[in-house]
Amino acid sequence: MKTLLNTIALIAGLQLTAAAAPIINTPTADEPQTHKLTIRVDNVKVRQGTVNVAIYNAETAESGVAFRKVRLVIPASGDVLVNFEQLPAGQYAVRMFQDVNTNLKLDYNGPVPTEPFGFSNTASPMVSFSFEKNSFPVDADKTVPVTLVSFE
């Protein structure tokens, strides 16, 4: 039976060994290395609704279309963490808002948001989103804090 398995493995281009070595997922020259980005949402004052997180890369920033988006229900307690897996290395920026009333949009009173929102690299509510100002490099697994701000 062992000879049959070795023959099948040999035909398939595999080599059976007595001790199995761990498989290491190392990218080849043709495969770009990917990373995990964790967004830590800070200053969550209201524990209800969802947090809607969008990340942008250099190619998607000008169009306003997110590279990836996630909607996460705000937990009753503890840290609020949003993970983006398998991101190619590059520059990214984060834009988010807390949808307290779960109507799937950031609500405004005139030009002023009435729900908490935030961008990477700033904790000021007086700053608008700009890929150039809000972007950061992702060249390894990393955690980035984003502070929710509110005018209320």
N, C-alpha and C. Protein backbone atom coordinates (compact mmCIF):
# COMPACT_ATOMS: atom_id res chain seq x y z
N MET A 1 0.83 -1.19 0.00
CA MET A 1 0.00 0.00 0.00
C MET A 1 0.87 1.26 0.00
N LYS A 2 1.97 1.26 0.80
CA LYS A 2 2.86 2.40 0.87
C LYS A 2 3.50 2.65 -0.50
N THR A 3 3.85 1.59 -1.21
CA THR A 3 4.43 1.73 -2.54
C THR A 3 3.43 2.34 -3.50
N LEU A 4 2.16 1.95 -3.40
CA LEU A 4 1.11 2.51 -4.25
C LEU A 4 0.95 4.00 -3.98
N LEU A 5 0.94 4.39 -2.70
CA LEU A 5 0.82 5.81 -2.35
C LEU A 5 2.01 6.60 -2.86
N ASN A 6 3.21 6.04 -2.72
CA ASN A 6 4.41 6.73 -3.22
C ASN A 6 4.37 6.87 -4.73
N THR A 7 3.87 5.85 -5.43
CA THR A 7 3.77 5.90 -6.89
C THR A 7 2.78 6.98 -7.31
N ILE A 8 1.62 7.03 -6.64
CA ILE A 8 0.60 8.05 -6.95
C ILE A 8 1.16 9.44 -6.67
N ALA A 9 1.86 9.58 -5.54
CA ALA A 9 2.45 10.87 -5.18
C ALA A 9 3.50 11.28 -6.19
N LEU A 10 4.30 10.34 -6.63
CA LEU A 10 5.35 10.63 -7.60
C LEU A 10 4.74 11.08 -8.92
N ILE A 11 3.67 10.42 -9.36
CA ILE A 11 2.98 10.80 -10.59
C ILE A 11 2.40 12.20 -10.45
N ALA A 12 1.87 12.52 -9.27
CA ALA A 12 1.27 13.84 -9.04
C ALA A 12 2.33 14.92 -8.80
N GLY A 13 3.59 14.51 -8.71
CA GLY A 13 4.65 15.50 -8.49
C GLY A 13 4.87 15.81 -7.03
N LEU A 14 4.38 14.96 -6.14
CA LEU A 14 4.53 15.17 -4.70
C LEU A 14 5.58 14.23 -4.15
N GLN A 15 6.08 14.57 -3.00
CA GLN A 15 7.04 13.69 -2.35
C GLN A 15 6.53 13.45 -0.94
N LEU A 16 6.32 12.18 -0.58
CA LEU A 16 5.88 11.83 0.76
C LEU A 16 7.09 11.63 1.65
N THR A 17 7.02 12.18 2.85
CA THR A 17 8.09 11.98 3.82
C THR A 17 7.47 11.49 5.10
N ALA A 18 8.31 10.92 5.95
CA ALA A 18 7.81 10.37 7.22
C ALA A 18 7.32 11.49 8.13
N ALA A 19 8.04 12.59 8.21
CA ALA A 19 7.65 13.71 9.06
C ALA A 19 7.16 14.84 8.17
N ALA A 20 5.94 15.26 8.41
CA ALA A 20 5.37 16.33 7.58
C ALA A 20 5.92 17.67 8.05
N ALA A 21 6.47 18.42 7.14
CA ALA A 21 6.98 19.76 7.45
C ALA A 21 5.82 20.74 7.40
N PRO A 22 5.84 21.78 8.22
CA PRO A 22 4.76 22.77 8.17
C PRO A 22 4.77 23.50 6.83
N ILE A 23 3.59 23.83 6.37
CA ILE A 23 3.46 24.55 5.11
C ILE A 23 3.56 26.03 5.43
N ILE A 24 4.48 26.71 4.80
CA ILE A 24 4.65 28.14 4.99
C ILE A 24 4.17 28.82 3.73
N ASN A 25 3.23 29.72 3.89
CA ASN A 25 2.65 30.41 2.76
C ASN A 25 3.51 31.62 2.41
N THR A 26 4.56 31.40 1.67
CA THR A 26 5.46 32.46 1.25
C THR A 26 5.13 32.85 -0.17
N PRO A 27 4.88 34.15 -0.41
CA PRO A 27 4.54 34.55 -1.78
C PRO A 27 5.73 34.37 -2.71
N THR A 28 5.43 34.00 -3.92
CA THR A 28 6.47 33.89 -4.94
C THR A 28 6.68 35.27 -5.56
N ALA A 29 7.59 35.38 -6.49
CA ALA A 29 7.86 36.66 -7.14
C ALA A 29 6.62 37.16 -7.88
N ASP A 30 5.76 36.24 -8.33
CA ASP A 30 4.55 36.63 -9.06
C ASP A 30 3.40 37.03 -8.14
N GLU A 31 3.48 36.60 -6.87
CA GLU A 31 2.41 36.88 -5.92
C GLU A 31 2.82 38.02 -4.99
N PRO A 32 2.02 39.07 -4.90
CA PRO A 32 2.35 40.14 -3.96
C PRO A 32 2.08 39.68 -2.53
N GLN A 33 2.90 40.15 -1.62
CA GLN A 33 2.69 39.83 -0.21
C GLN A 33 1.49 40.63 0.29
N THR A 34 0.67 40.02 1.13
CA THR A 34 -0.50 40.70 1.67
C THR A 34 -0.38 40.85 3.17
N HIS A 35 -1.19 41.76 3.72
CA HIS A 35 -1.09 42.09 5.13
C HIS A 35 -2.49 42.22 5.74
N LYS A 36 -2.52 42.17 7.05
CA LYS A 36 -3.76 42.36 7.80
C LYS A 36 -3.74 43.76 8.41
N LEU A 37 -4.81 44.51 8.18
CA LEU A 37 -4.98 45.83 8.75
C LEU A 37 -6.13 45.77 9.75
N THR A 38 -5.84 46.12 10.99
CA THR A 38 -6.87 46.19 12.03
C THR A 38 -7.12 47.65 12.35
N ILE A 39 -8.38 48.05 12.26
CA ILE A 39 -8.77 49.40 12.64
C ILE A 39 -9.36 49.33 14.05
N ARG A 40 -8.75 50.06 14.97
CA ARG A 40 -9.28 50.15 16.34
C ARG A 40 -10.10 51.43 16.42
N VAL A 41 -11.40 51.28 16.66
CA VAL A 41 -12.31 52.42 16.72
C VAL A 41 -12.30 52.95 18.15
N ASP A 42 -11.80 54.17 18.31
CA ASP A 42 -11.70 54.80 19.63
C ASP A 42 -12.85 55.79 19.83
N ASN A 43 -13.14 56.05 21.10
CA ASN A 43 -14.12 57.06 21.50
C ASN A 43 -15.55 56.69 21.12
N VAL A 44 -15.90 55.41 21.30
CA VAL A 44 -17.28 54.97 21.05
C VAL A 44 -18.08 55.29 22.30
N LYS A 45 -18.88 56.35 22.23
CA LYS A 45 -19.65 56.81 23.40
C LYS A 45 -21.03 56.17 23.47
N VAL A 46 -21.62 55.90 22.31
CA VAL A 46 -22.96 55.30 22.24
C VAL A 46 -22.79 53.86 21.79
N ARG A 47 -23.23 52.93 22.63
CA ARG A 47 -23.06 51.50 22.32
C ARG A 47 -24.30 50.95 21.64
N GLN A 48 -24.57 51.47 20.44
CA GLN A 48 -25.67 50.97 19.63
C GLN A 48 -25.38 51.27 18.17
N GLY A 49 -26.12 50.62 17.30
CA GLY A 49 -25.96 50.84 15.87
C GLY A 49 -24.79 50.07 15.29
N THR A 50 -24.26 50.59 14.20
CA THR A 50 -23.15 49.94 13.50
C THR A 50 -22.03 50.96 13.27
N VAL A 51 -20.85 50.44 13.06
CA VAL A 51 -19.76 51.28 12.58
C VAL A 51 -19.51 50.85 11.14
N ASN A 52 -19.47 51.82 10.25
CA ASN A 52 -19.30 51.60 8.82
C ASN A 52 -17.92 52.11 8.45
N VAL A 53 -17.04 51.20 8.06
CA VAL A 53 -15.64 51.53 7.81
C VAL A 53 -15.33 51.28 6.34
N ALA A 54 -14.73 52.27 5.70
CA ALA A 54 -14.29 52.14 4.32
C ALA A 54 -12.80 52.46 4.26
N ILE A 55 -12.07 51.65 3.50
CA ILE A 55 -10.67 51.96 3.27
C ILE A 55 -10.49 52.28 1.79
N TYR A 56 -9.58 53.21 1.54
CA TYR A 56 -9.29 53.67 0.19
C TYR A 56 -7.82 53.46 -0.08
N ASN A 57 -7.49 53.15 -1.32
CA ASN A 57 -6.09 53.11 -1.73
C ASN A 57 -5.90 54.20 -2.77
N ALA A 58 -4.68 54.34 -3.27
CA ALA A 58 -4.39 55.42 -4.21
C ALA A 58 -5.26 55.36 -5.46
N GLU A 59 -5.59 54.14 -5.90
CA GLU A 59 -6.39 53.99 -7.12
C GLU A 59 -7.85 54.35 -6.92
N THR A 60 -8.39 54.16 -5.71
CA THR A 60 -9.82 54.39 -5.49
C THR A 60 -10.12 55.72 -4.83
N ALA A 61 -9.12 56.39 -4.30
CA ALA A 61 -9.37 57.60 -3.52
C ALA A 61 -10.02 58.71 -4.33
N GLU A 62 -9.54 58.97 -5.53
CA GLU A 62 -10.08 60.07 -6.32
C GLU A 62 -11.51 59.83 -6.77
N SER A 63 -11.87 58.57 -7.02
CA SER A 63 -13.22 58.26 -7.47
C SER A 63 -14.23 58.31 -6.33
N GLY A 64 -13.73 58.23 -5.08
CA GLY A 64 -14.63 58.20 -3.93
C GLY A 64 -15.22 56.83 -3.67
N VAL A 65 -14.83 55.85 -4.46
CA VAL A 65 -15.31 54.48 -4.28
C VAL A 65 -14.32 53.75 -3.39
N ALA A 66 -14.81 53.15 -2.31
CA ALA A 66 -13.94 52.47 -1.36
C ALA A 66 -13.29 51.25 -1.99
N PHE A 67 -12.07 50.98 -1.58
CA PHE A 67 -11.37 49.76 -1.97
C PHE A 67 -12.05 48.57 -1.30
N ARG A 68 -12.37 48.70 -0.01
CA ARG A 68 -13.14 47.69 0.73
C ARG A 68 -13.97 48.40 1.80
N LYS A 69 -15.11 47.78 2.14
CA LYS A 69 -15.99 48.33 3.18
C LYS A 69 -16.43 47.21 4.11
N VAL A 70 -16.67 47.59 5.36
CA VAL A 70 -17.17 46.66 6.37
C VAL A 70 -18.19 47.39 7.24
N ARG A 71 -19.26 46.70 7.58
CA ARG A 71 -20.25 47.21 8.53
C ARG A 71 -20.25 46.24 9.70
N LEU A 72 -20.04 46.77 10.90
CA LEU A 72 -19.93 45.94 12.10
C LEU A 72 -20.88 46.46 13.17
N VAL A 73 -21.65 45.56 13.78
CA VAL A 73 -22.53 45.94 14.88
C VAL A 73 -21.66 46.32 16.08
N ILE A 74 -21.97 47.45 16.68
CA ILE A 74 -21.21 47.92 17.85
C ILE A 74 -21.49 46.97 19.01
N PRO A 75 -20.44 46.39 19.62
CA PRO A 75 -20.66 45.51 20.76
C PRO A 75 -21.07 46.32 22.00
N ALA A 76 -21.75 45.66 22.92
CA ALA A 76 -22.22 46.32 24.14
C ALA A 76 -21.07 46.81 25.01
N SER A 77 -19.92 46.15 24.93
CA SER A 77 -18.75 46.57 25.71
C SER A 77 -17.50 46.08 24.99
N GLY A 78 -16.37 46.57 25.45
CA GLY A 78 -15.09 46.12 24.91
C GLY A 78 -14.64 46.92 23.71
N ASP A 79 -13.50 46.51 23.17
CA ASP A 79 -12.91 47.19 22.02
C ASP A 79 -13.74 46.95 20.77
N VAL A 80 -13.72 47.93 19.89
CA VAL A 80 -14.35 47.80 18.58
C VAL A 80 -13.20 47.70 17.57
N LEU A 81 -13.05 46.52 17.00
CA LEU A 81 -11.97 46.25 16.05
C LEU A 81 -12.54 45.79 14.72
N VAL A 82 -12.03 46.36 13.64
CA VAL A 82 -12.47 46.00 12.30
C VAL A 82 -11.23 45.51 11.55
N ASN A 83 -11.31 44.31 10.99
CA ASN A 83 -10.17 43.71 10.31
C ASN A 83 -10.36 43.68 8.80
N PHE A 84 -9.28 44.00 8.11
CA PHE A 84 -9.21 43.86 6.66
C PHE A 84 -8.06 42.91 6.39
N GLU A 85 -8.35 41.77 5.80
CA GLU A 85 -7.35 40.73 5.54
C GLU A 85 -6.84 40.82 4.10
N GLN A 86 -5.67 40.29 3.88
CA GLN A 86 -5.08 40.13 2.55
C GLN A 86 -5.03 41.43 1.75
N LEU A 87 -4.52 42.49 2.38
CA LEU A 87 -4.33 43.75 1.68
C LEU A 87 -2.96 43.76 1.02
N PRO A 88 -2.87 44.11 -0.24
CA PRO A 88 -1.56 44.29 -0.86
C PRO A 88 -0.86 45.48 -0.20
N ALA A 89 0.45 45.46 -0.18
CA ALA A 89 1.20 46.59 0.37
C ALA A 89 0.84 47.85 -0.40
N GLY A 90 0.80 48.98 0.31
CA GLY A 90 0.49 50.25 -0.33
C GLY A 90 0.04 51.28 0.68
N GLN A 91 -0.43 52.41 0.17
CA GLN A 91 -0.96 53.49 0.99
C GLN A 91 -2.48 53.30 1.11
N TYR A 92 -2.99 53.48 2.32
CA TYR A 92 -4.43 53.35 2.58
C TYR A 92 -4.89 54.50 3.47
N ALA A 93 -6.16 54.82 3.38
CA ALA A 93 -6.78 55.82 4.25
C ALA A 93 -8.12 55.26 4.70
N VAL A 94 -8.54 55.64 5.91
CA VAL A 94 -9.77 55.13 6.51
C VAL A 94 -10.76 56.28 6.69
N ARG A 95 -12.00 55.98 6.35
CA ARG A 95 -13.11 56.90 6.58
C ARG A 95 -14.21 56.06 7.22
N MET A 96 -14.80 56.55 8.31
CA MET A 96 -15.83 55.77 8.99
C MET A 96 -16.89 56.67 9.61
N PHE A 97 -18.03 56.04 9.91
CA PHE A 97 -19.05 56.71 10.71
C PHE A 97 -19.82 55.67 11.49
N GLN A 98 -20.39 56.14 12.61
CA GLN A 98 -21.24 55.27 13.42
C GLN A 98 -22.68 55.57 13.07
N ASP A 99 -23.37 54.57 12.56
CA ASP A 99 -24.77 54.70 12.18
C ASP A 99 -25.61 54.34 13.41
N VAL A 100 -25.81 55.32 14.27
CA VAL A 100 -26.49 55.09 15.55
C VAL A 100 -27.92 54.62 15.34
N ASN A 101 -28.63 55.20 14.38
CA ASN A 101 -30.04 54.85 14.16
C ASN A 101 -30.23 53.79 13.07
N THR A 102 -29.16 53.21 12.59
CA THR A 102 -29.16 52.11 11.60
C THR A 102 -30.01 52.39 10.35
N ASN A 103 -29.93 53.63 9.85
CA ASN A 103 -30.63 53.94 8.59
C ASN A 103 -29.69 53.88 7.38
N LEU A 104 -28.49 53.33 7.58
CA LEU A 104 -27.50 53.07 6.53
C LEU A 104 -26.89 54.32 5.91
N LYS A 105 -26.94 55.45 6.63
CA LYS A 105 -26.30 56.66 6.13
C LYS A 105 -25.86 57.54 7.30
N LEU A 106 -24.90 58.41 7.01
CA LEU A 106 -24.47 59.40 7.99
C LEU A 106 -25.47 60.54 7.96
N ASP A 107 -26.12 60.80 9.08
CA ASP A 107 -27.13 61.85 9.14
C ASP A 107 -26.50 63.21 9.40
N TYR A 108 -27.16 64.25 8.87
CA TYR A 108 -26.68 65.62 9.00
C TYR A 108 -27.80 66.52 9.48
N ASN A 109 -27.41 67.60 10.14
CA ASN A 109 -28.30 68.72 10.44
C ASN A 109 -27.69 69.89 9.67
N GLY A 110 -28.20 70.14 8.47
CA GLY A 110 -27.54 71.09 7.57
C GLY A 110 -26.22 70.49 7.13
N PRO A 111 -25.12 71.24 7.25
CA PRO A 111 -23.82 70.70 6.82
C PRO A 111 -23.09 69.92 7.93
N VAL A 112 -23.69 69.84 9.10
CA VAL A 112 -23.02 69.25 10.26
C VAL A 112 -23.50 67.81 10.51
N PRO A 113 -22.57 66.84 10.55
CA PRO A 113 -22.97 65.46 10.86
C PRO A 113 -23.54 65.36 12.27
N THR A 114 -24.61 64.61 12.40
CA THR A 114 -25.22 64.41 13.72
C THR A 114 -24.86 63.05 14.32
N GLU A 115 -24.11 62.25 13.58
CA GLU A 115 -23.64 60.96 14.08
C GLU A 115 -22.11 60.99 14.09
N PRO A 116 -21.49 60.20 14.99
CA PRO A 116 -20.03 60.19 15.07
C PRO A 116 -19.38 59.71 13.77
N PHE A 117 -18.22 60.29 13.46
CA PHE A 117 -17.47 59.93 12.26
C PHE A 117 -15.98 60.08 12.55
N GLY A 118 -15.16 59.56 11.67
CA GLY A 118 -13.71 59.70 11.86
C GLY A 118 -12.93 59.34 10.62
N PHE A 119 -11.68 59.81 10.59
CA PHE A 119 -10.74 59.54 9.51
C PHE A 119 -9.42 59.09 10.12
N SER A 120 -8.65 58.34 9.40
CA SER A 120 -7.32 57.98 9.88
C SER A 120 -6.44 59.23 9.94
N ASN A 121 -5.50 59.21 10.87
CA ASN A 121 -4.50 60.28 11.06
C ASN A 121 -5.05 61.59 11.57
N THR A 122 -6.26 61.63 12.10
CA THR A 122 -6.77 62.87 12.68
C THR A 122 -7.85 62.57 13.71
N ALA A 123 -7.93 63.44 14.71
CA ALA A 123 -8.99 63.34 15.70
C ALA A 123 -9.78 64.64 15.73
N SER A 124 -9.63 65.45 14.71
CA SER A 124 -10.28 66.75 14.66
C SER A 124 -11.54 66.70 13.82
N PRO A 125 -12.66 67.18 14.35
CA PRO A 125 -13.88 67.22 13.54
C PRO A 125 -13.85 68.32 12.48
N MET A 126 -12.85 69.18 12.50
CA MET A 126 -12.80 70.30 11.57
C MET A 126 -12.03 69.97 10.30
N VAL A 127 -11.62 68.72 10.15
CA VAL A 127 -10.85 68.30 8.99
C VAL A 127 -11.74 67.47 8.08
N SER A 128 -11.68 67.74 6.78
CA SER A 128 -12.41 66.90 5.83
C SER A 128 -11.49 65.79 5.34
N PHE A 129 -12.07 64.77 4.77
CA PHE A 129 -11.29 63.62 4.30
C PHE A 129 -10.43 64.01 3.10
N SER A 130 -9.17 63.63 3.17
CA SER A 130 -8.23 63.84 2.08
C SER A 130 -7.30 62.63 2.06
N PHE A 131 -7.25 61.93 0.95
CA PHE A 131 -6.39 60.75 0.89
C PHE A 131 -4.95 61.12 1.22
N GLU A 132 -4.48 62.21 0.70
CA GLU A 132 -3.10 62.63 0.93
C GLU A 132 -2.82 62.83 2.43
N LYS A 133 -3.72 63.49 3.14
CA LYS A 133 -3.52 63.77 4.57
C LYS A 133 -3.86 62.59 5.46
N ASN A 134 -4.80 61.75 5.05
CA ASN A 134 -5.28 60.67 5.91
C ASN A 134 -4.68 59.31 5.60
N SER A 135 -3.79 59.23 4.62
CA SER A 135 -3.25 57.92 4.26
C SER A 135 -2.02 57.56 5.09
N PHE A 136 -1.74 56.27 5.12
CA PHE A 136 -0.62 55.71 5.88
C PHE A 136 -0.15 54.47 5.13
N PRO A 137 1.10 54.07 5.32
CA PRO A 137 1.60 52.89 4.61
C PRO A 137 1.18 51.60 5.30
N VAL A 138 0.88 50.60 4.49
CA VAL A 138 0.66 49.24 4.98
C VAL A 138 1.70 48.38 4.27
N ASP A 139 2.75 48.03 5.03
CA ASP A 139 3.82 47.20 4.48
C ASP A 139 4.10 46.01 5.40
N ALA A 140 3.23 45.86 6.41
CA ALA A 140 3.27 44.75 7.36
C ALA A 140 1.92 44.73 8.05
N ASP A 141 1.63 43.67 8.80
CA ASP A 141 0.39 43.65 9.58
C ASP A 141 0.46 44.82 10.56
N LYS A 142 -0.65 45.55 10.70
CA LYS A 142 -0.63 46.69 11.61
C LYS A 142 -2.02 47.01 12.13
N THR A 143 -2.03 47.74 13.25
CA THR A 143 -3.26 48.25 13.85
C THR A 143 -3.21 49.76 13.80
N VAL A 144 -4.30 50.37 13.33
CA VAL A 144 -4.39 51.81 13.22
C VAL A 144 -5.58 52.28 14.04
N PRO A 145 -5.36 53.24 14.97
CA PRO A 145 -6.49 53.78 15.72
C PRO A 145 -7.19 54.87 14.91
N VAL A 146 -8.52 54.88 14.97
CA VAL A 146 -9.31 55.96 14.38
C VAL A 146 -10.29 56.42 15.44
N THR A 147 -10.27 57.69 15.74
CA THR A 147 -11.11 58.26 16.79
C THR A 147 -12.40 58.80 16.20
N LEU A 148 -13.53 58.34 16.76
CA LEU A 148 -14.82 58.89 16.36
C LEU A 148 -14.97 60.26 17.01
N VAL A 149 -15.43 61.23 16.23
CA VAL A 149 -15.68 62.57 16.75
C VAL A 149 -17.15 62.89 16.53
N SER A 150 -17.64 63.81 17.35
CA SER A 150 -19.05 64.15 17.26
C SER A 150 -19.22 65.61 17.63
N PHE A 151 -20.22 66.25 17.05
CA PHE A 151 -20.51 67.65 17.39
C PHE A 151 -21.55 67.75 18.49
N GLU A 152 -21.99 66.63 19.02
CA GLU A 152 -23.01 66.67 20.08
C GLU A 152 -22.40 66.41 21.42
